[in-house]
């Protein structure tokens, strides 16, 4: 009798044999599934060889084996021997079928495992190829990124240098603007002072003209009154009245000459005022020219020379105009 075996899963051959004996006692054929259900554990691959060993020893245990002596064989009833033989054949066929099914299942599982392994191998190859392509792409991207980083670094240096140059240029422009602003304030102050002086001069001339005009009018009125008185006394003193009349006539002519002179002075004052206004306009034009020249970064000397030449030309023109007016109004 074979020694019971123990598997790594805890199912012992004695358990399988005991389960098969119990099934025989119940009048049932011991099959792999029935033995597994009776034990409550064990896989078909584990139970199948143990059940085959049980069937292999069943004939000797029942006393129907060919090696036994005739006495022992005769001691077992023939129906039991036939029954044991039938059970043996049935169990053997079922064991063969179970073994074939298990073998087919193993072969199918092996083929599935091989197919899965081949698929996994193919996937691994594809993954390795993809990873290699990804690695190359990453290397190219890294090289491109490094080149871009170097280019950006150069651009950053250029931008920083450009910003530094621009800051220096802006500082120079700020200084030039401040200087132009100071010059503008100075010119505005000077222009304001000249305008105030011109206004005072116009006021003085107007007051002087008004005073002289009132004085001349008073003289004319007085002369006329004296002339009237003289005419009244003409009957009595015809000769004296004639002389007095001539004298008054001379005084009247002198008064008219003085009035003409005052008109000439007034015209000269008006010309002076106009000249002052032209000078103010020249100063304003000079200021605007200096502002434009300061904005363009050039000096203001050419504009000043041009404005000075313009003022001299205006002064000469004013003098010539006054001389012509005096010549026209002087007695011939």
Protein backbone atom coordinates (compact mmCIF):
# COMPACT_ATOMS: atom_id res chain seq x y z
CA UNK A 1 0.00 0.00 0.00
CA UNK A 2 1.35 3.43 -0.98
CA UNK A 3 2.24 6.03 1.63
CA UNK A 4 -0.25 8.94 1.76
CA UNK A 5 1.15 12.13 0.28
CA UNK A 6 0.72 15.72 1.44
CA UNK A 7 0.64 18.64 -0.95
CA UNK A 8 1.71 22.20 -0.35
CA UNK A 9 -1.93 23.24 -0.37
CA UNK A 10 -2.78 21.12 2.68
CA UNK A 11 -4.76 18.30 0.88
CA UNK A 12 -3.46 14.90 1.90
CA UNK A 13 -3.81 11.73 -0.11
CA UNK A 14 -5.39 10.04 2.90
CA UNK A 15 -8.13 12.67 2.83
CA UNK A 16 -8.79 11.92 -0.83
CA UNK A 17 -8.83 8.15 -0.21
CA UNK A 18 -11.11 8.54 2.82
CA UNK A 19 -13.48 10.70 0.78
CA UNK A 20 -13.50 8.09 -2.03
CA UNK A 21 -14.19 5.27 0.48
CA UNK A 22 -17.03 7.31 1.97
CA UNK A 23 -18.54 7.85 -1.47
CA UNK A 24 -18.30 4.09 -2.22
CA UNK A 25 -20.02 3.38 1.07
CA UNK A 26 -22.82 5.75 0.03
CA UNK A 27 -23.17 3.88 -3.28
CA UNK A 28 -21.75 6.79 -5.31
CA UNK A 29 -18.93 6.75 -7.82
CA UNK A 30 -15.93 8.74 -6.53
CA UNK A 31 -15.26 11.52 -8.98
CA UNK A 32 -12.88 14.45 -8.72
CA UNK A 33 -15.67 16.96 -8.20
CA UNK A 34 -17.44 14.78 -5.58
CA UNK A 35 -14.16 14.22 -3.71
CA UNK A 36 -13.45 17.97 -3.73
CA UNK A 37 -16.96 18.70 -2.47
CA UNK A 38 -16.60 16.03 0.25
CA UNK A 39 -13.23 17.37 1.41
CA UNK A 40 -14.21 21.03 0.98
CA UNK A 41 -10.93 22.10 -0.63
CA UNK A 42 -8.32 21.11 -3.19
CA UNK A 43 -8.00 21.79 -6.89
CA UNK A 44 -8.77 19.27 -9.65
CA UNK A 45 -5.10 19.10 -10.57
CA UNK A 46 -4.26 18.13 -6.98
CA UNK A 47 -7.13 15.70 -6.36
CA UNK A 48 -6.86 13.90 -9.75
CA UNK A 49 -3.50 12.05 -9.21
CA UNK A 50 -4.45 11.10 -5.64
CA UNK A 51 -7.78 9.70 -6.83
CA UNK A 52 -5.94 7.74 -9.56
CA UNK A 53 -3.70 6.19 -6.88
CA UNK A 54 -6.85 5.28 -4.90
CA UNK A 55 -8.30 3.50 -7.97
CA UNK A 56 -4.94 1.80 -8.61
CA UNK A 57 -4.99 0.21 -5.12
CA UNK A 58 -8.71 -0.43 -5.06
CA UNK A 59 -8.39 -3.90 -6.69
CA UNK A 60 -5.83 -5.13 -4.18
CA UNK A 61 -7.82 -3.68 -1.28
CA UNK A 62 -10.95 -5.38 -2.59
CA UNK A 63 -9.00 -8.60 -3.28
CA UNK A 64 -9.67 -8.68 -7.05
CA UNK A 65 -6.10 -8.11 -8.25
CA UNK A 66 -4.53 -10.78 -10.49
CA UNK A 67 -1.50 -11.13 -8.27
CA UNK A 68 -3.46 -12.40 -5.32
CA UNK A 69 -3.72 -16.15 -4.71
CA UNK A 70 -6.76 -18.12 -5.59
CA UNK A 71 -7.78 -18.57 -2.00
CA UNK A 72 -7.98 -14.88 -1.41
CA UNK A 73 -9.82 -14.37 -4.71
CA UNK A 74 -12.31 -17.08 -3.92
CA UNK A 75 -13.01 -15.48 -0.58
CA UNK A 76 -14.55 -12.35 -2.31
CA UNK A 77 -18.01 -12.88 -3.75
CA UNK A 78 -18.30 -12.66 -7.50
CA UNK A 79 -20.96 -9.89 -7.52
CA UNK A 80 -18.67 -7.76 -5.43
CA UNK A 81 -15.80 -8.52 -7.77
CA UNK A 82 -17.92 -7.51 -10.81
CA UNK A 83 -19.11 -4.43 -9.02
CA UNK A 84 -15.55 -3.50 -8.07
CA UNK A 85 -14.44 -4.15 -11.62
CA UNK A 86 -17.21 -1.93 -12.98
CA UNK A 87 -16.41 0.77 -10.45
CA UNK A 88 -12.80 0.45 -11.35
CA UNK A 89 -13.48 0.77 -15.05
CA UNK A 90 -15.91 3.65 -14.55
CA UNK A 91 -13.55 5.46 -12.21
CA UNK A 92 -10.68 4.83 -14.56
CA UNK A 93 -12.61 6.26 -17.51
CA UNK A 94 -13.69 9.27 -15.49
CA UNK A 95 -10.13 9.71 -14.26
CA UNK A 96 -8.88 9.52 -17.82
CA UNK A 97 -11.52 11.98 -18.94
CA UNK A 98 -10.68 14.29 -16.03
CA UNK A 99 -7.00 13.95 -16.77
CA UNK A 100 -7.63 14.64 -20.48
CA UNK A 101 -9.79 17.64 -19.57
CA UNK A 102 -7.16 18.85 -17.11
CA UNK A 103 -4.45 18.31 -19.71
CA UNK A 104 -6.49 20.15 -22.33
CA UNK A 105 -7.14 22.90 -19.80
CA UNK A 106 -3.44 23.03 -19.00
CA UNK A 107 -2.54 23.12 -22.67
CA UNK A 108 -5.13 25.86 -23.30
CA UNK A 109 -3.85 27.76 -20.30
CA UNK A 110 -0.27 27.24 -21.52
CA UNK A 111 -1.20 28.44 -25.01
CA UNK A 112 -3.05 31.41 -23.52
CA UNK A 113 -0.05 32.11 -21.31
CA UNK A 114 2.27 31.83 -24.31
CA UNK A 115 0.00 34.07 -26.36
CA UNK A 116 -0.20 36.53 -23.49
CA UNK A 117 3.56 36.35 -23.05
CA UNK A 118 4.03 36.97 -26.77
CA UNK A 119 1.58 39.86 -26.61
CA UNK A 120 3.36 41.21 -23.54
CA UNK A 121 6.68 40.79 -25.32
CA UNK A 122 5.29 42.62 -28.35
CA UNK A 123 3.91 45.33 -26.05
CA UNK A 124 7.28 45.54 -24.32
CA UNK A 125 9.01 45.87 -27.70
CA UNK A 126 6.52 48.53 -28.79
CA UNK A 127 6.86 50.27 -25.46
CA UNK A 128 10.63 50.09 -25.68
CA UNK A 129 10.48 51.50 -29.23
CA UNK A 130 8.11 54.22 -28.10
CA UNK A 131 10.32 54.98 -25.11
CA UNK A 132 13.37 55.13 -27.35
CA UNK A 133 11.56 57.49 -29.74
CA UNK A 134 10.35 59.52 -26.77
CA UNK A 135 13.88 59.61 -25.41
CA UNK A 136 15.21 60.86 -28.73
CA UNK A 137 12.42 63.42 -28.93
CA UNK A 138 13.18 64.52 -25.38
CA UNK A 139 16.86 64.81 -26.21
CA UNK A 140 16.03 66.92 -29.27
CA UNK A 141 13.62 69.01 -27.19
CA UNK A 142 16.31 69.41 -24.54
CA UNK A 143 18.84 70.53 -27.13
CA UNK A 144 16.29 72.92 -28.62
CA UNK A 145 15.43 74.23 -25.16
CA UNK A 146 19.11 74.74 -24.37
CA UNK A 147 19.60 76.60 -27.65
CA UNK A 148 16.52 78.69 -26.97
CA UNK A 149 17.77 79.39 -23.44
CA UNK A 150 21.11 80.55 -24.79
CA UNK A 151 19.36 82.70 -27.40
CA UNK A 152 17.08 84.15 -24.74
CA UNK A 153 20.10 84.84 -22.54
CA UNK A 154 21.76 86.74 -25.39
CA UNK A 155 18.57 88.62 -26.07
CA UNK A 156 18.24 89.44 -22.39
CA UNK A 157 21.78 90.84 -22.37
CA UNK A 158 20.96 92.92 -25.46
CA UNK A 159 17.75 94.19 -23.88
CA UNK A 160 19.53 95.07 -20.66
CA UNK A 161 22.21 96.95 -22.59
CA UNK A 162 19.51 98.71 -24.62
CA UNK A 163 17.68 99.65 -21.41
CA UNK A 164 20.90 100.97 -19.90
CA UNK A 165 21.60 103.07 -23.01
CA UNK A 166 18.02 104.33 -23.01
CA UNK A 167 18.28 105.26 -19.32
CA UNK A 168 21.44 107.24 -20.02
CA UNK A 169 19.78 108.94 -22.99
CA UNK A 170 16.70 109.74 -20.89
CA UNK A 171 18.91 111.23 -18.18
CA UNK A 172 20.57 113.45 -20.77
CA UNK A 173 17.18 114.47 -22.14
CA UNK A 174 15.94 115.23 -18.62
CA UNK A 175 18.94 117.47 -18.03
CA UNK A 176 18.45 119.23 -21.37
CA UNK A 177 14.74 119.64 -20.63
CA UNK A 178 15.50 121.09 -17.21
CA UNK A 179 17.95 123.55 -18.76
CA UNK A 180 15.41 124.50 -21.44
CA UNK A 181 12.78 124.94 -18.73
CA UNK A 182 15.07 127.27 -16.82
CA UNK A 183 15.75 129.27 -19.98
CA UNK A 184 12.03 129.39 -20.67
CA UNK A 185 11.29 130.72 -17.20
CA UNK A 186 14.02 133.34 -17.58
CA UNK A 187 12.67 134.44 -20.97
CA UNK A 188 9.13 134.52 -19.64
CA UNK A 189 10.25 136.69 -16.73
CA UNK A 190 12.10 139.01 -19.07
CA UNK A 191 9.11 139.14 -21.42
CA UNK A 192 6.80 139.95 -18.52
CA UNK A 193 9.07 142.74 -17.35
CA UNK A 194 9.27 144.19 -20.86
CA UNK A 195 5.51 144.00 -21.25
CA UNK A 196 5.04 145.82 -17.95
CA UNK A 197 7.56 148.46 -18.99
CA UNK A 198 5.81 148.89 -22.36
CA UNK A 199 2.43 149.23 -20.61
CA UNK A 200 3.82 151.88 -18.25
CA UNK A 201 5.36 153.73 -21.18
CA UNK A 202 2.06 153.70 -23.08
CA UNK A 203 0.24 154.96 -20.00
CA UNK A 204 2.80 157.75 -19.49
CA UNK A 205 2.62 158.84 -23.10
CA UNK A 206 -1.16 158.75 -23.06
CA UNK A 207 -1.25 160.87 -19.92
CA UNK A 208 1.30 163.29 -21.37
CA UNK A 209 -0.68 163.57 -24.59
CA UNK A 210 -3.92 164.14 -22.69
CA UNK A 211 -2.28 166.89 -20.58
CA UNK A 212 -0.75 168.58 -23.56
CA UNK A 213 -3.99 168.38 -25.45
CA UNK A 214 -5.91 169.97 -22.56
CA UNK A 215 -3.28 172.70 -22.30
CA UNK A 216 -3.45 173.43 -26.02
CA UNK A 217 -7.21 173.52 -25.98
CA UNK A 218 -7.14 175.96 -23.11
CA UNK A 219 -4.66 178.11 -25.01
CA UNK A 220 -6.85 178.06 -28.10
CA UNK A 221 -9.91 178.97 -26.08
CA UNK A 222 -8.06 181.78 -24.42
CA UNK A 223 -6.74 183.03 -27.74
CA UNK A 224 -10.17 182.94 -29.23
CA UNK A 225 -11.57 184.81 -26.29
CA UNK A 226 -8.91 187.47 -26.60
CA UNK A 227 -9.55 187.66 -30.32
CA UNK A 228 -13.23 188.17 -29.67
CA UNK A 229 -12.46 190.87 -27.16
CA UNK A 230 -10.13 192.50 -29.60
CA UNK A 231 -12.77 192.48 -32.29
CA UNK A 232 -15.17 194.17 -29.91
CA UNK A 233 -12.62 196.84 -29.22
CA UNK A 234 -11.78 197.16 -32.90
CA UNK A 235 -14.07 200.05 -33.39
CA UNK A 236 -12.30 202.04 -30.75
CA UNK A 237 -8.80 200.94 -31.38
CA UNK A 238 -8.70 199.74 -34.95
CA UNK A 239 -5.00 200.01 -35.27
CA UNK A 240 -4.31 198.45 -31.92
CA UNK A 241 -6.82 195.75 -32.70
CA UNK A 242 -5.19 195.05 -36.03
CA UNK A 243 -1.82 194.64 -34.36
CA UNK A 244 -3.33 192.64 -31.57
CA UNK A 245 -5.09 190.51 -34.10
CA UNK A 246 -1.88 189.82 -35.92
CA UNK A 247 -0.22 188.94 -32.64
CA UNK A 248 -3.03 186.63 -31.68
CA UNK A 249 -2.92 185.12 -35.13
CA UNK A 250 0.74 184.36 -34.64
CA UNK A 251 0.10 182.83 -31.25
CA UNK A 252 -2.65 180.74 -32.78
CA UNK A 253 -0.29 179.45 -35.45
CA UNK A 254 2.28 178.65 -32.80
CA UNK A 255 -0.38 176.83 -30.80
CA UNK A 256 -1.41 174.83 -33.84
CA UNK A 257 2.25 174.03 -34.47
CA UNK A 258 2.59 172.81 -30.90
CA UNK A 259 -0.54 170.74 -31.31
CA UNK A 260 0.97 169.26 -34.48
CA UNK A 261 4.16 168.53 -32.58
CA UNK A 262 2.16 166.83 -29.84
CA UNK A 263 0.39 164.73 -32.46
CA UNK A 264 3.81 163.83 -33.82
CA UNK A 265 4.95 162.85 -30.32
CA UNK A 266 1.78 160.82 -29.86
CA UNK A 267 2.43 159.03 -33.14
CA UNK A 268 5.98 158.38 -32.04
CA UNK A 269 4.67 157.01 -28.73
CA UNK A 270 2.23 154.79 -30.62
CA UNK A 271 5.06 153.63 -32.85
CA UNK A 272 7.13 152.94 -29.76
CA UNK A 273 4.26 150.96 -28.28
CA UNK A 274 3.88 149.04 -31.53
CA UNK A 275 7.61 148.45 -31.52
CA UNK A 276 7.36 147.18 -27.96
CA UNK A 277 4.58 144.83 -29.01
CA UNK A 278 6.66 143.63 -31.97
CA UNK A 279 9.56 143.12 -29.60
CA UNK A 280 7.30 141.12 -27.29
CA UNK A 281 6.16 139.05 -30.27
CA UNK A 282 9.81 138.56 -31.26
CA UNK A 283 10.61 137.43 -27.73
CA UNK A 284 7.67 135.04 -27.81
CA UNK A 285 8.81 133.68 -31.19
CA UNK A 286 12.33 133.34 -29.82
CA UNK A 287 10.99 131.45 -26.82
CA UNK A 288 9.03 129.06 -29.02
CA UNK A 289 12.05 128.57 -31.29
CA UNK A 290 14.23 127.80 -28.28
CA UNK A 291 11.68 125.29 -27.03
CA UNK A 292 11.62 123.56 -30.41
CA UNK A 293 15.39 123.61 -30.59
CA UNK A 294 15.65 122.26 -27.04
CA UNK A 295 13.24 119.46 -27.95
CA UNK A 296 15.34 118.62 -31.02
CA UNK A 297 18.57 118.61 -28.96
CA UNK A 298 20.13 121.62 -30.79
CA UNK A 299 21.46 124.92 -29.41
CA UNK A 300 19.49 128.19 -29.31
CA UNK A 301 22.18 130.56 -30.66
CA UNK A 302 21.09 130.58 -34.36
CA UNK A 303 17.50 131.40 -33.35
CA UNK A 304 18.66 134.18 -31.06
CA UNK A 305 20.76 135.71 -33.84
CA UNK A 306 17.82 135.57 -36.22
CA UNK A 307 15.48 137.14 -33.63
CA UNK A 308 18.06 139.87 -32.89
CA UNK A 309 18.41 140.60 -36.60
CA UNK A 310 14.61 140.75 -36.88
CA UNK A 311 14.38 143.19 -33.97
CA UNK A 312 17.10 145.41 -35.48
CA UNK A 313 15.30 145.37 -38.81
CA UNK A 314 12.01 146.28 -37.07
CA UNK A 315 13.73 149.13 -35.17
CA UNK A 316 15.25 150.50 -38.37
CA UNK A 317 11.90 150.31 -40.11
CA UNK A 318 10.24 152.12 -37.18
CA UNK A 319 12.87 154.90 -37.24
CA UNK A 320 12.44 155.37 -40.98
CA UNK A 321 8.67 155.53 -40.55
CA UNK A 322 8.95 158.18 -37.80
CA UNK A 323 11.32 160.28 -39.90
CA UNK A 324 8.93 160.16 -42.85
CA UNK A 325 6.04 161.22 -40.59
CA UNK A 326 8.05 164.16 -39.22
CA UNK A 327 9.01 165.22 -42.70
CA UNK A 328 5.36 165.16 -43.81
CA UNK A 329 4.16 167.18 -40.79
CA UNK A 330 6.98 169.75 -40.62
CA UNK A 331 5.99 173.24 -41.92
CA UNK A 332 7.25 174.00 -45.37
